[in-house]
C-alpha atoms as a PDB file:
ATOM      1  CA  UNK A   1      66.458  67.612 -39.655  1.00  0.00           C
ATOM      2  CA  UNK A   2      68.985  68.918 -37.159  1.00  0.00           C
ATOM      3  CA  UNK A   3      70.997  66.705 -34.871  1.00  0.00           C
ATOM      4  CA  UNK A   4      70.822  66.890 -31.094  1.00  0.00           C
ATOM      5  CA  UNK A   5      74.234  68.558 -30.957  1.00  0.00           C
ATOM      6  CA  UNK A   6      73.178  71.234 -33.431  1.00  0.00           C
ATOM      7  CA  UNK A   7      70.071  71.975 -31.375  1.00  0.00           C
ATOM      8  CA  UNK A   8      72.194  72.112 -28.229  1.00  0.00           C
ATOM      9  CA  UNK A   9      74.596  74.532 -29.912  1.00  0.00           C
ATOM     10  CA  UNK A  10      71.689  76.758 -30.919  1.00  0.00           C
ATOM     11  CA  UNK A  11      70.422  76.853 -27.322  1.00  0.00           C
ATOM     12  CA  UNK A  12      73.867  77.591 -25.883  1.00  0.00           C
ATOM     13  CA  UNK A  13      74.351  80.471 -28.306  1.00  0.00           C
ATOM     14  CA  UNK A  14      70.926  81.867 -27.375  1.00  0.00           C
ATOM     15  CA  UNK A  15      71.758  81.596 -23.679  1.00  0.00           C
ATOM     16  CA  UNK A  16      74.958  83.548 -24.336  1.00  0.00           C
ATOM     17  CA  UNK A  17      72.838  86.449 -25.571  1.00  0.00           C
ATOM     18  CA  UNK A  18      73.337  86.220 -29.324  1.00  0.00           C
ATOM     19  CA  UNK A  19      70.415  87.181 -31.599  1.00  0.00           C
ATOM     20  CA  UNK A  20      68.166  84.345 -32.827  1.00  0.00           C
ATOM     21  CA  UNK A  21      69.000  84.936 -36.481  1.00  0.00           C
ATOM     22  CA  UNK A  22      72.732  84.748 -35.766  1.00  0.00           C
ATOM     23  CA  UNK A  23      72.319  81.578 -33.692  1.00  0.00           C
ATOM     24  CA  UNK A  24      70.316  79.896 -36.440  1.00  0.00           C
ATOM     25  CA  UNK A  25      72.884  80.885 -39.068  1.00  0.00           C
ATOM     26  CA  UNK A  26      75.778  79.463 -37.060  1.00  0.00           C
ATOM     27  CA  UNK A  27      74.088  76.328 -35.743  1.00  0.00           C
ATOM     28  CA  UNK A  28      72.000  75.222 -38.699  1.00  0.00           C
ATOM     29  CA  UNK A  29      73.988  76.451 -41.695  1.00  0.00           C
ATOM     30  CA  UNK A  30      77.631  76.435 -40.585  1.00  0.00           C
ATOM     31  CA  UNK A  31      77.864  73.880 -37.776  1.00  0.00           C
ATOM     32  CA  UNK A  32      75.317  71.397 -39.055  1.00  0.00           C
ATOM     33  CA  UNK A  33      77.160  68.142 -38.373  1.00  0.00           C
ATOM     34  CA  UNK A  34      77.688  66.452 -35.014  1.00  0.00           C
ATOM     35  CA  UNK A  35      81.443  66.860 -35.318  1.00  0.00           C
ATOM     36  CA  UNK A  36      81.441  70.597 -36.020  1.00  0.00           C
ATOM     37  CA  UNK A  37      78.682  71.330 -33.510  1.00  0.00           C
ATOM     38  CA  UNK A  38      80.547  69.372 -30.821  1.00  0.00           C
ATOM     39  CA  UNK A  39      83.766  71.269 -31.531  1.00  0.00           C
ATOM     40  CA  UNK A  40      82.001  74.613 -31.281  1.00  0.00           C
ATOM     41  CA  UNK A  41      80.281  73.557 -28.047  1.00  0.00           C
ATOM     42  CA  UNK A  42      83.662  72.654 -26.586  1.00  0.00           C
ATOM     43  CA  UNK A  43      84.943  76.145 -27.349  1.00  0.00           C
ATOM     44  CA  UNK A  44      81.869  77.805 -25.862  1.00  0.00           C
ATOM     45  CA  UNK A  45      81.667  75.740 -22.714  1.00  0.00           C
END
């Protein structure tokens, strides 16, 4: 089960225009903890 931050990261990546498969790979396989997802969100926002 994904955390809220991981789901938020997925949505932000989608809104930036990245393909769904890429977003899922990054958010759910590579940035799957609150800490890593939060760090990536900080870079994106």
